[in-house]
Amino acid sequence: MLVERGLGVMNVELVSEAYAIAANYLRRSGAIPDTLVTNERLLEIIIKLLQHGEFNKIRLANKAITRFEAQPQAQAVA
């Protein structure tokens, strides 16, 4: 899935870890359902942050959480 999005192999682990951190928080807060299905909107946010130069998994997760919570559900990821 991530390779199809044009991410290099090195970044797959980083995206995976940042997604796990952010998704865990958002599930516990009730912002996303507690399922095993990947939240595409959250993943898109993390990928965009990575493409803009953020490589620290904790900052990546925190910024993704902030953007996810700030964006209305129907709004496209900028």
PDB file of N, CA and C in Angstrom:
ATOM      1  N   MET A   1       0.821  -1.191   0.000  1.00  0.00           N
ATOM      2  CA  MET A   1       0.000   0.000   0.000  1.00  0.00           C
ATOM      3  C   MET A   1       0.866   1.255   0.000  1.00  0.00           C
ATOM      4  N   LEU A   2       1.853   1.342   0.886  1.00  0.00           N
ATOM      5  CA  LEU A   2       2.662   2.542   0.951  1.00  0.00           C
ATOM      6  C   LEU A   2       3.611   2.647  -0.234  1.00  0.00           C
ATOM      7  N   VAL A   3       4.061   1.509  -0.738  1.00  0.00           N
ATOM      8  CA  VAL A   3       4.935   1.537  -1.901  1.00  0.00           C
ATOM      9  C   VAL A   3       4.169   2.069  -3.110  1.00  0.00           C
ATOM     10  N   GLU A   4       2.883   1.735  -3.201  1.00  0.00           N
ATOM     11  CA  GLU A   4       2.056   2.230  -4.292  1.00  0.00           C
ATOM     12  C   GLU A   4       1.919   3.749  -4.239  1.00  0.00           C
ATOM     13  N   ARG A   5       2.045   4.329  -3.076  1.00  0.00           N
ATOM     14  CA  ARG A   5       1.929   5.773  -2.907  1.00  0.00           C
ATOM     15  C   ARG A   5       3.245   6.487  -3.194  1.00  0.00           C
ATOM     16  N   GLY A   6       4.265   5.751  -3.583  1.00  0.00           N
ATOM     17  CA  GLY A   6       5.526   6.354  -3.957  1.00  0.00           C
ATOM     18  C   GLY A   6       6.488   6.560  -2.798  1.00  0.00           C
ATOM     19  N   LEU A   7       6.244   5.951  -1.662  1.00  0.00           N
ATOM     20  CA  LEU A   7       7.161   6.083  -0.535  1.00  0.00           C
ATOM     21  C   LEU A   7       8.291   5.075  -0.678  1.00  0.00           C
ATOM     22  N   GLY A   8       9.474   5.488  -0.317  1.00  0.00           N
ATOM     23  CA  GLY A   8      10.603   4.585  -0.352  1.00  0.00           C
ATOM     24  C   GLY A   8      10.504   3.556   0.758  1.00  0.00           C
ATOM     25  N   VAL A   9      11.242   2.492   0.620  1.00  0.00           N
ATOM     26  CA  VAL A   9      11.209   1.408   1.584  1.00  0.00           C
ATOM     27  C   VAL A   9      11.665   1.892   2.959  1.00  0.00           C
ATOM     28  N   MET A  10      12.607   2.817   3.013  1.00  0.00           N
ATOM     29  CA  MET A  10      13.110   3.320   4.290  1.00  0.00           C
ATOM     30  C   MET A  10      12.007   4.001   5.093  1.00  0.00           C
ATOM     31  N   ASN A  11      11.076   4.628   4.427  1.00  0.00           N
ATOM     32  CA  ASN A  11      10.065   5.418   5.112  1.00  0.00           C
ATOM     33  C   ASN A  11       8.849   4.620   5.538  1.00  0.00           C
ATOM     34  N   VAL A  12       8.711   3.398   5.085  1.00  0.00           N
ATOM     35  CA  VAL A  12       7.537   2.594   5.414  1.00  0.00           C
ATOM     36  C   VAL A  12       7.456   2.367   6.922  1.00  0.00           C
ATOM     37  N   GLU A  13       8.577   2.055   7.543  1.00  0.00           N
ATOM     38  CA  GLU A  13       8.584   1.827   8.985  1.00  0.00           C
ATOM     39  C   GLU A  13       8.246   3.112   9.738  1.00  0.00           C
ATOM     40  N   LEU A  14       8.788   4.227   9.297  1.00  0.00           N
ATOM     41  CA  LEU A  14       8.509   5.518   9.930  1.00  0.00           C
ATOM     42  C   LEU A  14       7.024   5.859   9.840  1.00  0.00           C
ATOM     43  N   VAL A  15       6.440   5.708   8.665  1.00  0.00           N
ATOM     44  CA  VAL A  15       5.022   5.989   8.474  1.00  0.00           C
ATOM     45  C   VAL A  15       4.189   5.040   9.322  1.00  0.00           C
ATOM     46  N   SER A  16       4.564   3.787   9.342  1.00  0.00           N
ATOM     47  CA  SER A  16       3.837   2.786  10.116  1.00  0.00           C
ATOM     48  C   SER A  16       3.842   3.110  11.611  1.00  0.00           C
ATOM     49  N   GLU A  17       5.000   3.476  12.137  1.00  0.00           N
ATOM     50  CA  GLU A  17       5.097   3.799  13.558  1.00  0.00           C
ATOM     51  C   GLU A  17       4.345   5.082  13.900  1.00  0.00           C
ATOM     52  N   ALA A  18       4.482   6.104  13.067  1.00  0.00           N
ATOM     53  CA  ALA A  18       3.765   7.362  13.310  1.00  0.00           C
ATOM     54  C   ALA A  18       2.258   7.147  13.213  1.00  0.00           C
ATOM     55  N   TYR A  19       1.837   6.346  12.238  1.00  0.00           N
ATOM     56  CA  TYR A  19       0.402   6.052  12.102  1.00  0.00           C
ATOM     57  C   TYR A  19      -0.110   5.314  13.333  1.00  0.00           C
ATOM     58  N   ALA A  20       0.650   4.338  13.820  1.00  0.00           N
ATOM     59  CA  ALA A  20       0.233   3.566  14.990  1.00  0.00           C
ATOM     60  C   ALA A  20       0.063   4.465  16.210  1.00  0.00           C
ATOM     61  N   ILE A  21       0.989   5.384  16.408  1.00  0.00           N
ATOM     62  CA  ILE A  21       0.903   6.316  17.542  1.00  0.00           C
ATOM     63  C   ILE A  21      -0.325   7.208  17.412  1.00  0.00           C
ATOM     64  N   ALA A  22      -0.482   7.827  16.242  1.00  0.00           N
ATOM     65  CA  ALA A  22      -1.590   8.755  16.032  1.00  0.00           C
ATOM     66  C   ALA A  22      -2.937   8.035  16.074  1.00  0.00           C
ATOM     67  N   ALA A  23      -3.032   6.889  15.421  1.00  0.00           N
ATOM     68  CA  ALA A  23      -4.298   6.150  15.384  1.00  0.00           C
ATOM     69  C   ALA A  23      -4.690   5.663  16.772  1.00  0.00           C
ATOM     70  N   ASN A  24      -3.709   5.228  17.559  1.00  0.00           N
ATOM     71  CA  ASN A  24      -3.994   4.785  18.919  1.00  0.00           C
ATOM     72  C   ASN A  24      -4.599   5.926  19.738  1.00  0.00           C
ATOM     73  N   TYR A  25      -3.993   7.097  19.648  1.00  0.00           N
ATOM     74  CA  TYR A  25      -4.526   8.255  20.371  1.00  0.00           C
ATOM     75  C   TYR A  25      -5.939   8.604  19.893  1.00  0.00           C
ATOM     76  N   LEU A  26      -6.110   8.661  18.581  1.00  0.00           N
ATOM     77  CA  LEU A  26      -7.411   9.058  18.028  1.00  0.00           C
ATOM     78  C   LEU A  26      -8.495   8.016  18.328  1.00  0.00           C
ATOM     79  N   ARG A  27      -8.138   6.756  18.385  1.00  0.00           N
ATOM     80  CA  ARG A  27      -9.107   5.723  18.769  1.00  0.00           C
ATOM     81  C   ARG A  27      -9.521   5.893  20.227  1.00  0.00           C
ATOM     82  N   ARG A  28      -8.546   6.123  21.083  1.00  0.00           N
ATOM     83  CA  ARG A  28      -8.839   6.295  22.511  1.00  0.00           C
ATOM     84  C   ARG A  28      -9.661   7.547  22.777  1.00  0.00           C
ATOM     85  N   SER A  29      -9.466   8.579  21.963  1.00  0.00           N
ATOM     86  CA  SER A  29     -10.227   9.814  22.155  1.00  0.00           C
ATOM     87  C   SER A  29     -11.605   9.745  21.490  1.00  0.00           C
ATOM     88  N   GLY A  30     -11.836   8.705  20.697  1.00  0.00           N
ATOM     89  CA  GLY A  30     -13.119   8.533  20.035  1.00  0.00           C
ATOM     90  C   GLY A  30     -13.234   9.251  18.700  1.00  0.00           C
ATOM     91  N   ALA A  31     -12.134   9.806  18.202  1.00  0.00           N
ATOM     92  CA  ALA A  31     -12.155  10.536  16.939  1.00  0.00           C
ATOM     93  C   ALA A  31     -12.263   9.610  15.728  1.00  0.00           C
ATOM     94  N   ILE A  32     -11.742   8.389  15.855  1.00  0.00           N
ATOM     95  CA  ILE A  32     -11.885   7.391  14.797  1.00  0.00           C
ATOM     96  C   ILE A  32     -12.379   6.097  15.441  1.00  0.00           C
ATOM     97  N   PRO A  33     -13.083   5.279  14.678  1.00  0.00           N
ATOM     98  CA  PRO A  33     -13.604   4.027  15.246  1.00  0.00           C
ATOM     99  C   PRO A  33     -12.482   3.058  15.606  1.00  0.00           C
ATOM    100  N   ASP A  34     -12.761   2.225  16.584  1.00  0.00           N
ATOM    101  CA  ASP A  34     -11.786   1.238  17.058  1.00  0.00           C
ATOM    102  C   ASP A  34     -11.874  -0.017  16.189  1.00  0.00           C
ATOM    103  N   THR A  35     -11.296   0.072  15.000  1.00  0.00           N
ATOM    104  CA  THR A  35     -11.274  -1.054  14.060  1.00  0.00           C
ATOM    105  C   THR A  35      -9.852  -1.250  13.553  1.00  0.00           C
ATOM    106  N   LEU A  36      -9.639  -2.324  12.846  1.00  0.00           N
ATOM    107  CA  LEU A  36      -8.328  -2.584  12.254  1.00  0.00           C
ATOM    108  C   LEU A  36      -8.173  -1.954  10.868  1.00  0.00           C
ATOM    109  N   VAL A  37      -9.220  -1.314  10.393  1.00  0.00           N
ATOM    110  CA  VAL A  37      -9.197  -0.684   9.075  1.00  0.00           C
ATOM    111  C   VAL A  37      -8.360   0.596   9.135  1.00  0.00           C
ATOM    112  N   THR A  38      -7.489   0.778   8.150  1.00  0.00           N
ATOM    113  CA  THR A  38      -6.649   1.973   8.089  1.00  0.00           C
ATOM    114  C   THR A  38      -7.499   3.188   7.786  1.00  0.00           C
ATOM    115  N   ASN A  39      -7.302   4.254   8.542  1.00  0.00           N
ATOM    116  CA  ASN A  39      -7.998   5.507   8.291  1.00  0.00           C
ATOM    117  C   ASN A  39      -7.219   6.243   7.205  1.00  0.00           C
ATOM    118  N   GLU A  40      -7.788   6.293   6.022  1.00  0.00           N
ATOM    119  CA  GLU A  40      -7.097   6.867   4.859  1.00  0.00           C
ATOM    120  C   GLU A  40      -6.767   8.340   5.056  1.00  0.00           C
ATOM    121  N   ARG A  41      -7.660   9.077   5.687  1.00  0.00           N
ATOM    122  CA  ARG A  41      -7.432  10.512   5.908  1.00  0.00           C
ATOM    123  C   ARG A  41      -6.206  10.733   6.798  1.00  0.00           C
ATOM    124  N   LEU A  42      -6.100   9.976   7.865  1.00  0.00           N
ATOM    125  CA  LEU A  42      -4.942  10.097   8.757  1.00  0.00           C
ATOM    126  C   LEU A  42      -3.660   9.693   8.034  1.00  0.00           C
ATOM    127  N   LEU A  43      -3.709   8.635   7.274  1.00  0.00           N
ATOM    128  CA  LEU A  43      -2.543   8.187   6.522  1.00  0.00           C
ATOM    129  C   LEU A  43      -2.097   9.246   5.515  1.00  0.00           C
ATOM    130  N   GLU A  44      -3.042   9.863   4.827  1.00  0.00           N
ATOM    131  CA  GLU A  44      -2.716  10.927   3.866  1.00  0.00           C
ATOM    132  C   GLU A  44      -2.020  12.094   4.554  1.00  0.00           C
ATOM    133  N   ILE A  45      -2.494  12.469   5.738  1.00  0.00           N
ATOM    134  CA  ILE A  45      -1.884  13.568   6.479  1.00  0.00           C
ATOM    135  C   ILE A  45      -0.439  13.218   6.827  1.00  0.00           C
ATOM    136  N   ILE A  46      -0.213  12.016   7.320  1.00  0.00           N
ATOM    137  CA  ILE A  46       1.137  11.594   7.701  1.00  0.00           C
ATOM    138  C   ILE A  46       2.056  11.580   6.485  1.00  0.00           C
ATOM    139  N   ILE A  47       1.585  11.079   5.379  1.00  0.00           N
ATOM    140  CA  ILE A  47       2.401  11.033   4.160  1.00  0.00           C
ATOM    141  C   ILE A  47       2.752  12.439   3.692  1.00  0.00           C
ATOM    142  N   LYS A  48       1.793  13.345   3.727  1.00  0.00           N
ATOM    143  CA  LYS A  48       2.068  14.727   3.308  1.00  0.00           C
ATOM    144  C   LYS A  48       3.096  15.387   4.225  1.00  0.00           C
ATOM    145  N   LEU A  49       2.978  15.149   5.525  1.00  0.00           N
ATOM    146  CA  LEU A  49       3.966  15.704   6.463  1.00  0.00           C
ATOM    147  C   LEU A  49       5.356  15.138   6.188  1.00  0.00           C
ATOM    148  N   LEU A  50       5.420  13.864   5.903  1.00  0.00           N
ATOM    149  CA  LEU A  50       6.690  13.223   5.584  1.00  0.00           C
ATOM    150  C   LEU A  50       7.284  13.820   4.309  1.00  0.00           C
ATOM    151  N   GLN A  51       6.458  14.030   3.322  1.00  0.00           N
ATOM    152  CA  GLN A  51       6.920  14.603   2.059  1.00  0.00           C
ATOM    153  C   GLN A  51       7.389  16.047   2.224  1.00  0.00           C
ATOM    154  N   HIS A  52       6.916  16.718   3.273  1.00  0.00           N
ATOM    155  CA  HIS A  52       7.344  18.087   3.541  1.00  0.00           C
ATOM    156  C   HIS A  52       8.526  18.145   4.508  1.00  0.00           C
ATOM    157  N   GLY A  53       9.131  16.980   4.802  1.00  0.00           N
ATOM    158  CA  GLY A  53      10.389  16.975   5.525  1.00  0.00           C
ATOM    159  C   GLY A  53      10.357  16.608   6.993  1.00  0.00           C
ATOM    160  N   GLU A  54       9.241  16.157   7.509  1.00  0.00           N
ATOM    161  CA  GLU A  54       9.197  15.742   8.919  1.00  0.00           C
ATOM    162  C   GLU A  54       9.576  14.273   9.012  1.00  0.00           C
ATOM    163  N   PHE A  55      10.660  13.969   9.753  1.00  0.00           N
ATOM    164  CA  PHE A  55      11.141  12.597   9.829  1.00  0.00           C
ATOM    165  C   PHE A  55      11.193  12.039  11.251  1.00  0.00           C
ATOM    166  N   ASN A  56      10.767  12.815  12.234  1.00  0.00           N
ATOM    167  CA  ASN A  56      10.710  12.338  13.611  1.00  0.00           C
ATOM    168  C   ASN A  56       9.324  11.746  13.841  1.00  0.00           C
ATOM    169  N   LYS A  57       9.257  10.463  14.240  1.00  0.00           N
ATOM    170  CA  LYS A  57       7.970   9.778  14.316  1.00  0.00           C
ATOM    171  C   LYS A  57       7.026  10.381  15.348  1.00  0.00           C
ATOM    172  N   ILE A  58       7.559  10.889  16.462  1.00  0.00           N
ATOM    173  CA  ILE A  58       6.700  11.485  17.487  1.00  0.00           C
ATOM    174  C   ILE A  58       6.125  12.808  16.988  1.00  0.00           C
ATOM    175  N   ARG A  59       6.979  13.655  16.410  1.00  0.00           N
ATOM    176  CA  ARG A  59       6.475  14.926  15.861  1.00  0.00           C
ATOM    177  C   ARG A  59       5.521  14.674  14.705  1.00  0.00           C
ATOM    178  N   LEU A  60       5.833  13.679  13.895  1.00  0.00           N
ATOM    179  CA  LEU A  60       4.968  13.311  12.778  1.00  0.00           C
ATOM    180  C   LEU A  60       3.587  12.913  13.284  1.00  0.00           C
ATOM    181  N   ALA A  61       3.540  12.072  14.301  1.00  0.00           N
ATOM    182  CA  ALA A  61       2.266  11.641  14.884  1.00  0.00           C
ATOM    183  C   ALA A  61       1.522  12.806  15.513  1.00  0.00           C
ATOM    184  N   ASN A  62       2.223  13.646  16.277  1.00  0.00           N
ATOM    185  CA  ASN A  62       1.574  14.781  16.940  1.00  0.00           C
ATOM    186  C   ASN A  62       1.010  15.790  15.945  1.00  0.00           C
ATOM    187  N   LYS A  63       1.767  16.096  14.913  1.00  0.00           N
ATOM    188  CA  LYS A  63       1.282  17.027  13.890  1.00  0.00           C
ATOM    189  C   LYS A  63       0.092  16.427  13.141  1.00  0.00           C
ATOM    190  N   ALA A  64       0.152  15.136  12.874  1.00  0.00           N
ATOM    191  CA  ALA A  64      -0.954  14.468  12.177  1.00  0.00           C
ATOM    192  C   ALA A  64      -2.219  14.496  13.028  1.00  0.00           C
ATOM    193  N   ILE A  65      -2.086  14.264  14.320  1.00  0.00           N
ATOM    194  CA  ILE A  65      -3.240  14.314  15.229  1.00  0.00           C
ATOM    195  C   ILE A  65      -3.847  15.706  15.217  1.00  0.00           C
ATOM    196  N   THR A  66      -3.005  16.722  15.326  1.00  0.00           N
ATOM    197  CA  THR A  66      -3.480  18.108  15.338  1.00  0.00           C
ATOM    198  C   THR A  66      -4.222  18.447  14.054  1.00  0.00           C
ATOM    199  N   ARG A  67      -3.640  18.078  12.916  1.00  0.00           N
ATOM    200  CA  ARG A  67      -4.297  18.366  11.629  1.00  0.00           C
ATOM    201  C   ARG A  67      -5.576  17.551  11.454  1.00  0.00           C
ATOM    202  N   PHE A  68      -5.557  16.307  11.880  1.00  0.00           N
ATOM    203  CA  PHE A  68      -6.733  15.452  11.762  1.00  0.00           C
ATOM    204  C   PHE A  68      -7.893  16.032  12.555  1.00  0.00           C
ATOM    205  N   GLU A  69      -7.612  16.456  13.777  1.00  0.00           N
ATOM    206  CA  GLU A  69      -8.661  17.005  14.640  1.00  0.00           C
ATOM    207  C   GLU A  69      -9.134  18.374  14.159  1.00  0.00           C
ATOM    208  N   ALA A  70      -8.266  19.122  13.485  1.00  0.00           N
ATOM    209  CA  ALA A  70      -8.615  20.468  13.019  1.00  0.00           C
ATOM    210  C   ALA A  70      -9.444  20.443  11.738  1.00  0.00           C
ATOM    211  N   GLN A  71      -9.314  19.390  10.937  1.00  0.00           N
ATOM    212  CA  GLN A  71     -10.007  19.326   9.650  1.00  0.00           C
ATOM    213  C   GLN A  71     -11.375  18.706   9.791  1.00  0.00           C
ATOM    214  N   PRO A  72     -12.382  19.340   9.199  1.00  0.00           N
ATOM    215  CA  PRO A  72     -13.685  18.678   9.154  1.00  0.00           C
ATOM    216  C   PRO A  72     -13.587  17.392   8.342  1.00  0.00           C
ATOM    217  N   GLN A  73     -14.449  16.441   8.651  1.00  0.00           N
ATOM    218  CA  GLN A  73     -14.433  15.124   8.015  1.00  0.00           C
ATOM    219  C   GLN A  73     -14.465  15.193   6.500  1.00  0.00           C
ATOM    220  N   ALA A  74     -15.277  16.078   5.936  1.00  0.00           N
ATOM    221  CA  ALA A  74     -15.475  16.117   4.491  1.00  0.00           C
ATOM    222  C   ALA A  74     -14.392  16.887   3.759  1.00  0.00           C
ATOM    223  N   GLN A  75     -13.590  17.692   4.459  1.00  0.00           N
ATOM    224  CA  GLN A  75     -12.576  18.508   3.808  1.00  0.00           C
ATOM    225  C   GLN A  75     -11.418  17.663   3.313  1.00  0.00           C
ATOM    226  N   ALA A  76     -10.937  17.946   2.132  1.00  0.00           N
ATOM    227  CA  ALA A  76      -9.801  17.213   1.564  1.00  0.00           C
ATOM    228  C   ALA A  76      -8.530  17.610   2.281  1.00  0.00           C
ATOM    229  N   VAL A  77      -7.566  16.713   2.297  1.00  0.00           N
ATOM    230  CA  VAL A  77      -6.281  16.980   2.926  1.00  0.00           C
ATOM    231  C   VAL A  77      -5.508  17.935   2.034  1.00  0.00           C
ATOM    232  N   ALA A  78      -5.017  19.017   2.626  1.00  0.00           N
ATOM    233  CA  ALA A  78      -4.290  20.030   1.834  1.00  0.00           C
ATOM    234  C   ALA A  78      -2.820  19.749   1.804  1.00  0.00           C
TER     235      ALA A  78
END
